[in-house]
Amino acid sequence: MEPLTWDNAEEIAELLNDVYPDVDPLYDVHFDELVDWVVKLDEFAGDPDEASEVQLEAIQLAWNDLK
């Protein structure tokens, strides 16, 4: 697997769902916390300061679709 960046919303969502299966991404996670969780993923190689609101929303929605 190639390293993930903020543009890989679906892949990031799948990994977050594996790590945090009981979390409701729309109600339990704020964007600052989401950035922290994504950056901690071994597969992630993006810059934490480059996350946009649009990209974070895409991750949240993709994660929610897995529920």
N, C-alpha and C. Protein backbone atom coordinates (compact mmCIF):
# COMPACT_ATOMS: atom_id res chain seq x y z
N MET A 1 0.84 -1.18 0.00
CA MET A 1 0.00 0.00 0.00
C MET A 1 0.89 1.25 0.00
N GLU A 2 0.55 2.19 -0.87
CA GLU A 2 1.28 3.46 -0.89
C GLU A 2 0.89 4.29 0.32
N PRO A 3 1.77 5.15 0.78
CA PRO A 3 1.43 6.01 1.92
C PRO A 3 0.20 6.86 1.60
N LEU A 4 -0.63 7.06 2.60
CA LEU A 4 -1.86 7.81 2.43
C LEU A 4 -1.64 9.30 2.69
N THR A 5 -2.46 10.11 2.01
CA THR A 5 -2.47 11.55 2.25
C THR A 5 -3.92 11.96 2.52
N TRP A 6 -4.13 13.24 2.74
CA TRP A 6 -5.47 13.73 3.06
C TRP A 6 -6.47 13.47 1.94
N ASP A 7 -6.00 13.22 0.74
CA ASP A 7 -6.90 12.96 -0.39
C ASP A 7 -7.43 11.53 -0.44
N ASN A 8 -6.96 10.67 0.45
CA ASN A 8 -7.36 9.26 0.47
C ASN A 8 -8.44 9.02 1.53
N ALA A 9 -9.55 9.73 1.42
CA ALA A 9 -10.59 9.70 2.45
C ALA A 9 -11.12 8.29 2.71
N GLU A 10 -11.42 7.55 1.67
CA GLU A 10 -12.02 6.23 1.86
C GLU A 10 -11.07 5.26 2.54
N GLU A 11 -9.82 5.26 2.13
CA GLU A 11 -8.83 4.37 2.73
C GLU A 11 -8.58 4.74 4.20
N ILE A 12 -8.50 6.04 4.46
CA ILE A 12 -8.31 6.51 5.84
C ILE A 12 -9.51 6.11 6.69
N ALA A 13 -10.72 6.28 6.14
CA ALA A 13 -11.93 5.93 6.88
C ALA A 13 -11.95 4.45 7.25
N GLU A 14 -11.53 3.59 6.32
CA GLU A 14 -11.49 2.15 6.61
C GLU A 14 -10.53 1.85 7.76
N LEU A 15 -9.37 2.48 7.75
CA LEU A 15 -8.40 2.26 8.82
C LEU A 15 -8.92 2.78 10.15
N LEU A 16 -9.51 3.97 10.14
CA LEU A 16 -10.06 4.53 11.38
C LEU A 16 -11.18 3.65 11.93
N ASN A 17 -12.00 3.11 11.04
CA ASN A 17 -13.08 2.24 11.47
C ASN A 17 -12.54 0.97 12.12
N ASP A 18 -11.41 0.48 11.63
CA ASP A 18 -10.77 -0.70 12.24
C ASP A 18 -10.22 -0.37 13.62
N VAL A 19 -9.61 0.80 13.75
CA VAL A 19 -8.97 1.19 15.02
C VAL A 19 -9.99 1.67 16.05
N TYR A 20 -11.03 2.37 15.59
CA TYR A 20 -12.04 2.95 16.48
C TYR A 20 -13.44 2.48 16.07
N PRO A 21 -13.73 1.19 16.20
CA PRO A 21 -15.00 0.65 15.69
C PRO A 21 -16.25 1.17 16.39
N ASP A 22 -16.13 1.61 17.62
CA ASP A 22 -17.31 2.04 18.37
C ASP A 22 -17.54 3.55 18.32
N VAL A 23 -16.75 4.26 17.55
CA VAL A 23 -16.87 5.71 17.47
C VAL A 23 -17.87 6.08 16.38
N ASP A 24 -18.74 7.04 16.70
CA ASP A 24 -19.63 7.61 15.70
C ASP A 24 -18.90 8.83 15.11
N PRO A 25 -18.42 8.74 13.88
CA PRO A 25 -17.58 9.80 13.34
C PRO A 25 -18.26 11.15 13.19
N LEU A 26 -19.57 11.17 13.10
CA LEU A 26 -20.27 12.44 12.93
C LEU A 26 -20.55 13.15 14.24
N TYR A 27 -20.60 12.41 15.34
CA TYR A 27 -20.97 13.02 16.62
C TYR A 27 -19.88 12.93 17.68
N ASP A 28 -18.98 11.97 17.57
CA ASP A 28 -18.00 11.74 18.63
C ASP A 28 -16.62 12.34 18.35
N VAL A 29 -16.39 12.84 17.14
CA VAL A 29 -15.04 13.26 16.77
C VAL A 29 -15.05 14.71 16.26
N HIS A 30 -14.24 15.54 16.87
CA HIS A 30 -14.03 16.91 16.39
C HIS A 30 -12.87 16.90 15.41
N PHE A 31 -12.79 17.89 14.55
CA PHE A 31 -11.76 17.91 13.51
C PHE A 31 -10.35 17.85 14.08
N ASP A 32 -10.08 18.55 15.18
CA ASP A 32 -8.73 18.51 15.74
C ASP A 32 -8.36 17.10 16.20
N GLU A 33 -9.33 16.40 16.76
CA GLU A 33 -9.10 15.02 17.18
C GLU A 33 -8.93 14.10 15.97
N LEU A 34 -9.73 14.33 14.95
CA LEU A 34 -9.64 13.53 13.72
C LEU A 34 -8.26 13.67 13.09
N VAL A 35 -7.74 14.88 13.05
CA VAL A 35 -6.39 15.10 12.51
C VAL A 35 -5.38 14.28 13.31
N ASP A 36 -5.47 14.33 14.63
CA ASP A 36 -4.55 13.57 15.48
C ASP A 36 -4.63 12.07 15.19
N TRP A 37 -5.84 11.55 15.06
CA TRP A 37 -6.01 10.12 14.82
C TRP A 37 -5.45 9.71 13.46
N VAL A 38 -5.71 10.53 12.45
CA VAL A 38 -5.22 10.20 11.11
C VAL A 38 -3.70 10.21 11.08
N VAL A 39 -3.10 11.22 11.68
CA VAL A 39 -1.64 11.34 11.68
C VAL A 39 -0.98 10.16 12.39
N LYS A 40 -1.66 9.58 13.36
CA LYS A 40 -1.11 8.44 14.10
C LYS A 40 -1.18 7.12 13.32
N LEU A 41 -1.93 7.08 12.24
CA LEU A 41 -2.01 5.87 11.43
C LEU A 41 -0.66 5.60 10.77
N ASP A 42 -0.18 4.37 10.88
CA ASP A 42 1.12 4.02 10.29
C ASP A 42 1.16 4.26 8.78
N GLU A 43 0.03 4.09 8.13
CA GLU A 43 -0.04 4.21 6.67
C GLU A 43 -0.10 5.65 6.19
N PHE A 44 -0.27 6.59 7.10
CA PHE A 44 -0.44 7.99 6.72
C PHE A 44 0.89 8.71 6.63
N ALA A 45 1.09 9.46 5.54
CA ALA A 45 2.35 10.17 5.34
C ALA A 45 2.14 11.65 5.03
N GLY A 46 0.91 12.13 5.23
CA GLY A 46 0.63 13.54 4.93
C GLY A 46 1.09 14.47 6.03
N ASP A 47 0.98 15.75 5.75
CA ASP A 47 1.35 16.80 6.69
C ASP A 47 0.11 17.19 7.48
N PRO A 48 0.17 17.13 8.82
CA PRO A 48 -1.00 17.47 9.62
C PRO A 48 -1.49 18.90 9.39
N ASP A 49 -0.61 19.79 9.01
CA ASP A 49 -0.99 21.18 8.80
C ASP A 49 -1.67 21.42 7.45
N GLU A 50 -1.71 20.41 6.61
CA GLU A 50 -2.31 20.57 5.28
C GLU A 50 -3.74 20.04 5.20
N ALA A 51 -4.29 19.59 6.30
CA ALA A 51 -5.67 19.07 6.29
C ALA A 51 -6.65 20.22 6.12
N SER A 52 -7.53 20.10 5.14
CA SER A 52 -8.56 21.12 4.94
C SER A 52 -9.88 20.63 5.53
N GLU A 53 -10.77 21.56 5.76
CA GLU A 53 -12.09 21.20 6.29
C GLU A 53 -12.81 20.26 5.32
N VAL A 54 -12.68 20.51 4.04
CA VAL A 54 -13.33 19.67 3.03
C VAL A 54 -12.79 18.24 3.10
N GLN A 55 -11.48 18.09 3.24
CA GLN A 55 -10.88 16.75 3.32
C GLN A 55 -11.31 16.04 4.60
N LEU A 56 -11.36 16.76 5.71
CA LEU A 56 -11.77 16.15 6.97
C LEU A 56 -13.24 15.73 6.92
N GLU A 57 -14.07 16.55 6.30
CA GLU A 57 -15.49 16.18 6.13
C GLU A 57 -15.61 14.93 5.27
N ALA A 58 -14.80 14.84 4.23
CA ALA A 58 -14.84 13.66 3.35
C ALA A 58 -14.46 12.40 4.12
N ILE A 59 -13.47 12.51 5.00
CA ILE A 59 -13.08 11.36 5.83
C ILE A 59 -14.22 10.99 6.77
N GLN A 60 -14.82 11.98 7.42
CA GLN A 60 -15.93 11.71 8.33
C GLN A 60 -17.08 11.02 7.61
N LEU A 61 -17.45 11.53 6.45
CA LEU A 61 -18.58 10.96 5.71
C LEU A 61 -18.27 9.55 5.21
N ALA A 62 -17.05 9.34 4.73
CA ALA A 62 -16.67 8.00 4.28
C ALA A 62 -16.67 7.02 5.44
N TRP A 63 -16.20 7.46 6.59
CA TRP A 63 -16.19 6.63 7.80
C TRP A 63 -17.63 6.33 8.22
N ASN A 64 -18.48 7.34 8.19
CA ASN A 64 -19.88 7.14 8.57
C ASN A 64 -20.57 6.13 7.64
N ASP A 65 -20.21 6.15 6.36
CA ASP A 65 -20.79 5.20 5.40
C ASP A 65 -20.45 3.75 5.74
N LEU A 66 -19.39 3.54 6.50
CA LEU A 66 -18.99 2.18 6.89
C LEU A 66 -19.78 1.65 8.09
N LYS A 67 -20.53 2.50 8.73
CA LYS A 67 -21.29 2.12 9.93
C LYS A 67 -22.59 1.46 9.56
